[in-house]
C-alpha atoms as a PDB file:
ATOM      1  CA  MET A   1     108.945 315.328 263.304  1.00  0.00           C
ATOM      2  CA  ASN A   2     111.597 312.767 264.304  1.00  0.00           C
ATOM      3  CA  TYR A   3     109.859 311.926 267.617  1.00  0.00           C
ATOM      4  CA  ILE A   4     106.704 311.172 265.655  1.00  0.00           C
ATOM      5  CA  LEU A   5     108.660 308.788 263.258  1.00  0.00           C
ATOM      6  CA  ARG A   6     110.450 307.109 266.191  1.00  0.00           C
ATOM      7  CA  PHE A   7     107.246 306.918 267.829  1.00  0.00           C
ATOM      8  CA  VAL A   8     105.786 305.199 264.624  1.00  0.00           C
ATOM      9  CA  GLN A   9     108.796 303.026 264.868  1.00  0.00           C
ATOM     10  CA  VAL A  10     108.122 301.668 268.309  1.00  0.00           C
ATOM     11  CA  PHE A  11     104.453 301.803 268.043  1.00  0.00           C
ATOM     12  CA  THR A  12     104.283 299.501 265.172  1.00  0.00           C
ATOM     13  CA  LEU A  13     106.590 296.944 265.929  1.00  0.00           C
ATOM     14  CA  GLY A  14     105.532 296.767 269.523  1.00  0.00           C
ATOM     15  CA  ALA A  15     102.124 295.984 268.735  1.00  0.00           C
ATOM     16  CA  TRP A  16     102.988 293.616 266.300  1.00  0.00           C
ATOM     17  CA  VAL A  17     105.535 291.768 268.895  1.00  0.00           C
ATOM     18  CA  GLY A  18     102.850 292.467 271.286  1.00  0.00           C
ATOM     19  CA  SER A  19     100.226 290.865 269.353  1.00  0.00           C
ATOM     20  CA  ILE A  20     101.933 287.735 268.500  1.00  0.00           C
ATOM     21  CA  PHE A  21     102.801 287.185 272.182  1.00  0.00           C
ATOM     22  CA  TYR A  22      99.390 287.636 273.227  1.00  0.00           C
ATOM     23  CA  PHE A  23      97.964 285.186 270.561  1.00  0.00           C
ATOM     24  CA  SER A  24     100.443 282.474 271.512  1.00  0.00           C
ATOM     25  CA  ALA A  25      99.421 283.047 275.080  1.00  0.00           C
ATOM     26  CA  VAL A  26      95.364 283.185 274.490  1.00  0.00           C
ATOM     27  CA  THR A  27      95.555 280.306 271.574  1.00  0.00           C
ATOM     28  CA  PRO A  28      95.784 277.073 273.963  1.00  0.00           C
ATOM     29  CA  GLY A  29      93.088 278.520 275.828  1.00  0.00           C
ATOM     30  CA  LEU A  30      90.828 278.503 272.935  1.00  0.00           C
ATOM     31  CA  PHE A  31      91.375 274.826 272.750  1.00  0.00           C
ATOM     32  CA  ARG A  32      90.202 274.414 276.533  1.00  0.00           C
ATOM     33  CA  VAL A  33      87.324 276.429 276.496  1.00  0.00           C
ATOM     34  CA  LEU A  34      85.525 276.048 273.162  1.00  0.00           C
ATOM     35  CA  PRO A  35      82.659 272.950 272.883  1.00  0.00           C
ATOM     36  CA  SER A  36      85.068 271.340 270.070  1.00  0.00           C
ATOM     37  CA  GLN A  37      88.661 271.763 269.155  1.00  0.00           C
ATOM     38  CA  ASP A  38      87.398 271.941 265.470  1.00  0.00           C
ATOM     39  CA  GLN A  39      85.854 275.040 266.498  1.00  0.00           C
ATOM     40  CA  ALA A  40      88.910 276.404 268.316  1.00  0.00           C
ATOM     41  CA  GLY A  41      90.692 275.782 265.237  1.00  0.00           C
ATOM     42  CA  VAL A  42      88.643 277.764 263.249  1.00  0.00           C
ATOM     43  CA  VAL A  43      88.846 280.694 265.604  1.00  0.00           C
ATOM     44  CA  VAL A  44      92.614 280.525 265.573  1.00  0.00           C
ATOM     45  CA  GLU A  45      92.377 280.649 261.569  1.00  0.00           C
ATOM     46  CA  PHE A  46      90.461 283.968 261.815  1.00  0.00           C
ATOM     47  CA  ALA A  47      92.687 285.260 264.567  1.00  0.00           C
ATOM     48  CA  ILE A  48      95.992 284.382 262.825  1.00  0.00           C
ATOM     49  CA  THR A  49      94.924 286.191 259.296  1.00  0.00           C
ATOM     50  CA  ARG A  50      93.869 289.189 260.949  1.00  0.00           C
ATOM     51  CA  LEU A  51      97.296 288.818 262.932  1.00  0.00           C
ATOM     52  CA  HIS A  52      99.074 288.455 260.058  1.00  0.00           C
ATOM     53  CA  THR A  53      97.478 291.413 258.494  1.00  0.00           C
ATOM     54  CA  LEU A  54      98.455 293.430 261.288  1.00  0.00           C
ATOM     55  CA  GLY A  55     102.028 292.542 261.063  1.00  0.00           C
ATOM     56  CA  VAL A  56     102.332 293.201 257.548  1.00  0.00           C
ATOM     57  CA  ILE A  57     100.540 296.604 257.709  1.00  0.00           C
ATOM     58  CA  ALA A  58     102.799 297.463 260.767  1.00  0.00           C
ATOM     59  CA  GLY A  59     105.840 296.247 258.929  1.00  0.00           C
ATOM     60  CA  LEU A  60     105.436 298.568 256.124  1.00  0.00           C
ATOM     61  CA  LEU A  61     104.662 301.543 258.509  1.00  0.00           C
ATOM     62  CA  PHE A  62     108.016 300.562 260.478  1.00  0.00           C
ATOM     63  CA  ILE A  63     109.804 300.715 256.977  1.00  0.00           C
ATOM     64  CA  LEU A  64     108.161 303.844 256.006  1.00  0.00           C
ATOM     65  CA  ALA A  65     108.793 305.651 259.241  1.00  0.00           C
ATOM     66  CA  SER A  66     112.653 304.368 259.177  1.00  0.00           C
ATOM     67  CA  THR A  67     113.102 305.192 255.767  1.00  0.00           C
ATOM     68  CA  VAL A  68     112.063 308.941 256.204  1.00  0.00           C
ATOM     69  CA  LEU A  69     114.045 309.038 259.269  1.00  0.00           C
ATOM     70  CA  ALA A  70     116.983 307.561 257.420  1.00  0.00           C
ATOM     71  CA  VAL A  71     116.709 310.476 254.838  1.00  0.00           C
ATOM     72  CA  THR A  72     116.090 313.229 257.455  1.00  0.00           C
ATOM     73  CA  ALA A  73     118.885 312.040 260.214  1.00  0.00           C
ATOM     74  CA  PRO A  74     121.645 310.072 257.837  1.00  0.00           C
ATOM     75  CA  GLN A  75     123.885 309.912 260.951  1.00  0.00           C
ATOM     76  CA  ARG A  76     121.115 307.075 262.056  1.00  0.00           C
ATOM     77  CA  VAL A  77     121.323 305.290 259.069  1.00  0.00           C
ATOM     78  CA  LYS A  78     124.093 302.553 260.257  1.00  0.00           C
ATOM     79  CA  ARG A  79     121.625 301.901 263.449  1.00  0.00           C
ATOM     80  CA  LEU A  80     118.486 301.537 261.216  1.00  0.00           C
ATOM     81  CA  ILE A  81     119.821 298.869 259.265  1.00  0.00           C
ATOM     82  CA  ALA A  82     119.920 295.982 261.520  1.00  0.00           C
ATOM     83  CA  PRO A  83     115.974 296.491 262.660  1.00  0.00           C
ATOM     84  CA  LEU A  84     114.910 297.160 259.072  1.00  0.00           C
ATOM     85  CA  ILE A  85     116.511 293.889 257.854  1.00  0.00           C
ATOM     86  CA  GLY A  86     114.531 292.085 260.622  1.00  0.00           C
ATOM     87  CA  VAL A  87     111.122 293.715 259.930  1.00  0.00           C
ATOM     88  CA  ALA A  88     111.616 292.936 256.358  1.00  0.00           C
ATOM     89  CA  VAL A  89     112.414 289.441 257.317  1.00  0.00           C
ATOM     90  CA  MET A  90     109.439 289.336 259.648  1.00  0.00           C
ATOM     91  CA  ILE A  91     107.238 290.507 256.730  1.00  0.00           C
ATOM     92  CA  ILE A  92     108.379 288.159 254.368  1.00  0.00           C
ATOM     93  CA  LEU A  93     108.108 284.957 256.943  1.00  0.00           C
ATOM     94  CA  THR A  94     104.445 286.226 257.930  1.00  0.00           C
ATOM     95  CA  ILE A  95     103.479 286.236 254.115  1.00  0.00           C
ATOM     96  CA  ILE A  96     104.710 282.904 253.503  1.00  0.00           C
ATOM     97  CA  SER A  97     103.207 281.848 256.739  1.00  0.00           C
ATOM     98  CA  GLN A  98      99.954 283.555 255.329  1.00  0.00           C
ATOM     99  CA  ARG A  99      99.928 282.574 252.023  1.00  0.00           C
ATOM    100  CA  VAL A 100     101.488 279.023 251.893  1.00  0.00           C
ATOM    101  CA  VAL A 101     101.134 277.602 255.337  1.00  0.00           C
ATOM    102  CA  VAL A 102      97.749 278.599 256.752  1.00  0.00           C
ATOM    103  CA  GLY A 103      96.170 278.640 253.383  1.00  0.00           C
ATOM    104  CA  ARG A 104      97.244 275.168 252.779  1.00  0.00           C
ATOM    105  CA  MET A 105      95.939 274.122 256.351  1.00  0.00           C
ATOM    106  CA  ALA A 106      92.850 275.896 255.507  1.00  0.00           C
ATOM    107  CA  GLY A 107      92.355 273.584 252.637  1.00  0.00           C
ATOM    108  CA  LEU A 108      93.366 270.480 254.462  1.00  0.00           C
ATOM    109  CA  ARG A 109      90.592 271.301 257.274  1.00  0.00           C
ATOM    110  CA  ARG A 110      88.027 271.471 254.819  1.00  0.00           C
ATOM    111  CA  GLY A 111      89.090 268.478 253.062  1.00  0.00           C
ATOM    112  CA  MET A 112      88.911 266.574 256.511  1.00  0.00           C
ATOM    113  CA  GLY A 113      85.842 268.043 257.750  1.00  0.00           C
ATOM    114  CA  SER A 114      87.031 267.566 261.440  1.00  0.00           C
ATOM    115  CA  VAL A 115      90.972 267.564 262.055  1.00  0.00           C
ATOM    116  CA  ILE A 116      90.375 265.678 265.814  1.00  0.00           C
ATOM    117  CA  ALA A 117      87.984 262.968 264.135  1.00  0.00           C
ATOM    118  CA  THR A 118      90.705 262.209 261.262  1.00  0.00           C
ATOM    119  CA  PRO A 119      93.076 259.796 262.705  1.00  0.00           C
ATOM    120  CA  ALA A 120      96.756 260.436 263.063  1.00  0.00           C
ATOM    121  CA  ASP A 121      97.888 258.631 260.218  1.00  0.00           C
ATOM    122  CA  ASN A 122      95.747 259.949 257.501  1.00  0.00           C
ATOM    123  CA  PRO A 123      97.917 261.415 254.836  1.00  0.00           C
ATOM    124  CA  LEU A 124      95.654 264.451 255.239  1.00  0.00           C
ATOM    125  CA  ARG A 125      96.034 264.962 258.945  1.00  0.00           C
ATOM    126  CA  MET A 126      99.637 264.080 258.843  1.00  0.00           C
ATOM    127  CA  GLU A 127     100.210 266.895 256.522  1.00  0.00           C
ATOM    128  CA  PHE A 128      97.998 269.142 258.346  1.00  0.00           C
ATOM    129  CA  ASP A 129     100.328 268.419 261.727  1.00  0.00           C
ATOM    130  CA  ARG A 130     103.451 269.002 259.382  1.00  0.00           C
ATOM    131  CA  LEU A 131     102.155 272.215 258.469  1.00  0.00           C
ATOM    132  CA  HIS A 132     101.165 273.292 261.986  1.00  0.00           C
ATOM    133  CA  GLY A 133     104.634 272.888 263.212  1.00  0.00           C
ATOM    134  CA  ILE A 134     106.112 275.000 260.228  1.00  0.00           C
ATOM    135  CA  SER A 135     103.048 277.482 261.188  1.00  0.00           C
ATOM    136  CA  VAL A 136     104.170 277.512 265.081  1.00  0.00           C
ATOM    137  CA  ASP A 137     107.950 277.676 264.129  1.00  0.00           C
ATOM    138  CA  LEU A 138     107.438 280.793 261.909  1.00  0.00           C
ATOM    139  CA  GLU A 139     105.415 282.753 264.359  1.00  0.00           C
ATOM    140  CA  GLY A 140     108.021 281.660 266.730  1.00  0.00           C
ATOM    141  CA  ALA A 141     110.714 283.066 264.277  1.00  0.00           C
ATOM    142  CA  VAL A 142     108.877 286.171 263.753  1.00  0.00           C
ATOM    143  CA  LEU A 143     108.543 287.022 267.573  1.00  0.00           C
ATOM    144  CA  LEU A 144     112.178 286.476 268.260  1.00  0.00           C
ATOM    145  CA  ILE A 145     113.331 288.394 265.361  1.00  0.00           C
ATOM    146  CA  GLY A 146     110.705 290.999 266.490  1.00  0.00           C
ATOM    147  CA  PHE A 147     111.899 291.281 270.117  1.00  0.00           C
ATOM    148  CA  ALA A 148     115.448 292.070 268.530  1.00  0.00           C
ATOM    149  CA  SER A 149     114.361 294.343 265.808  1.00  0.00           C
ATOM    150  CA  LEU A 150     112.479 296.382 268.507  1.00  0.00           C
ATOM    151  CA  PHE A 151     115.619 296.447 271.153  1.00  0.00           C
ATOM    152  CA  LEU A 152     117.459 297.586 268.175  1.00  0.00           C
ATOM    153  CA  THR A 153     115.085 300.220 267.119  1.00  0.00           C
ATOM    154  CA  VAL A 154     114.592 301.649 270.972  1.00  0.00           C
ATOM    155  CA  TYR A 155     119.005 301.337 271.083  1.00  0.00           C
ATOM    156  CA  ALA A 156     119.065 303.416 268.037  1.00  0.00           C
ATOM    157  CA  GLN A 157     117.233 306.033 269.678  1.00  0.00           C
ATOM    158  CA  PRO A 158     119.512 309.261 270.625  1.00  0.00           C
END
């Protein structure tokens, strides 16, 4: 049973971190290959919403597997604490990103009609650009915390 739980830990966290890594590698290409940057933005909004959903589910499964491991193997509790805290922070940042930042960006996008056609000094565009920077920073933080948590999870294995 412990092998299955450890597999769930590594698989869920690895899938989440890998998805963020892949998303960050592919997203710039969307803005190059799609006919308009506004279309690329809509695709990115769709993809990041799915990525966030996957992340929260993966994080909750990680916490569940880690909790069961801690109960069945109390000697590992100390080594599970840091990755658990990391994943909890990842979940919180992901929910903030989705519910606050991405949600507000979507509303601004609808209000502008076209982000690209809106002048950079327009207050809606300025707010959109500011939120985009926050979104990138949040995803970067989740990715870095994810790398550290994944390493600590693997390190905690016997």
